[in-house]
Protein backbone atom coordinates (compact mmCIF):
# COMPACT_ATOMS: atom_id res chain seq x y z
CA UNK A 1 16.25 6.72 7.14
CA UNK A 2 19.41 7.04 9.18
CA UNK A 3 21.16 10.42 9.18
CA UNK A 4 24.94 10.43 8.77
CA UNK A 5 26.64 12.06 11.61
CA UNK A 6 29.46 14.49 10.98
CA UNK A 7 31.83 15.43 13.79
CA UNK A 8 32.43 19.02 14.85
CA UNK A 9 36.05 18.82 13.68
CA UNK A 10 34.76 17.80 10.19
CA UNK A 11 32.45 20.74 10.12
CA UNK A 12 35.25 23.03 11.21
CA UNK A 13 37.37 21.79 8.36
CA UNK A 14 34.84 23.22 5.90
CA UNK A 15 33.05 20.28 4.45
CA UNK A 16 30.76 21.78 1.85
CA UNK A 17 27.13 22.30 2.79
CA UNK A 18 25.96 20.01 0.01
CA UNK A 19 27.84 17.15 1.48
CA UNK A 20 26.36 17.75 4.94
CA UNK A 21 22.73 18.36 3.85
CA UNK A 22 20.38 15.70 5.17
CA UNK A 23 18.04 15.22 2.25
CA UNK A 24 16.51 12.16 0.64
CA UNK A 25 18.70 10.23 -1.75
CA UNK A 26 17.39 9.05 -5.13
CA UNK A 27 15.85 5.84 -3.74
CA UNK A 28 14.06 7.56 -0.86
CA UNK A 29 12.85 10.34 -3.26
CA UNK A 30 11.43 7.69 -5.65
CA UNK A 31 9.69 5.94 -2.80
CA UNK A 32 8.08 9.13 -1.60
CA UNK A 33 7.00 10.14 -5.07
CA UNK A 34 5.51 6.63 -5.68
CA UNK A 35 3.61 6.96 -2.41
CA UNK A 36 1.91 10.09 -3.65
CA UNK A 37 1.44 8.80 -7.17
CA UNK A 38 4.04 10.77 -9.15
CA UNK A 39 7.03 9.65 -11.21
CA UNK A 40 9.15 12.80 -10.80
CA UNK A 41 9.51 15.98 -8.72
CA UNK A 42 8.62 17.92 -11.93
CA UNK A 43 5.28 16.01 -12.14
CA UNK A 44 4.53 16.64 -8.48
CA UNK A 45 5.34 20.30 -8.77
CA UNK A 46 3.25 20.72 -11.90
CA UNK A 47 0.29 19.15 -10.04
CA UNK A 48 0.81 21.02 -6.76
CA UNK A 49 1.68 24.58 -7.84
CA UNK A 50 -1.13 26.61 -9.37
CA UNK A 51 -0.36 28.03 -12.84
CA UNK A 52 -1.25 31.56 -11.66
CA UNK A 53 1.87 31.64 -9.44
CA UNK A 54 4.23 29.83 -11.66
CA UNK A 55 7.10 31.89 -13.09
CA UNK A 56 8.64 30.61 -16.27
CA UNK A 57 11.12 33.45 -16.76
CA UNK A 58 14.73 33.07 -15.74
CA UNK A 59 15.66 34.65 -12.39
CA UNK A 60 18.32 37.33 -12.29
CA UNK A 61 20.32 35.81 -9.39
CA UNK A 62 23.98 36.41 -8.47
CA UNK A 63 26.46 33.58 -8.94
CA UNK A 64 26.39 30.86 -6.26
CA UNK A 65 28.93 31.08 -3.43
CA UNK A 66 30.21 28.46 -1.07
CA UNK A 67 29.26 28.39 2.58
CA UNK A 68 32.86 29.33 3.42
CA UNK A 69 32.66 32.38 1.19
CA UNK A 70 29.52 33.58 2.84
CA UNK A 71 30.81 33.00 6.29
CA UNK A 72 34.03 34.98 5.42
CA UNK A 73 32.10 38.15 4.78
């Protein structure tokens, strides 16, 4: 996998975090899941996380904020 490089000036212009995040794309994710024998992240999570620690209730979280909003605090 080759990481996309973003220049400092692009970072300073406020490119959203999601666009800078270096994570697997759909193809890479599918390959990784196939390697460990699962068809989806939900299947992998169901197999890996013990029922005793799973929480099925909705979380009471505040609304999402952009990186720029957080940095402006």
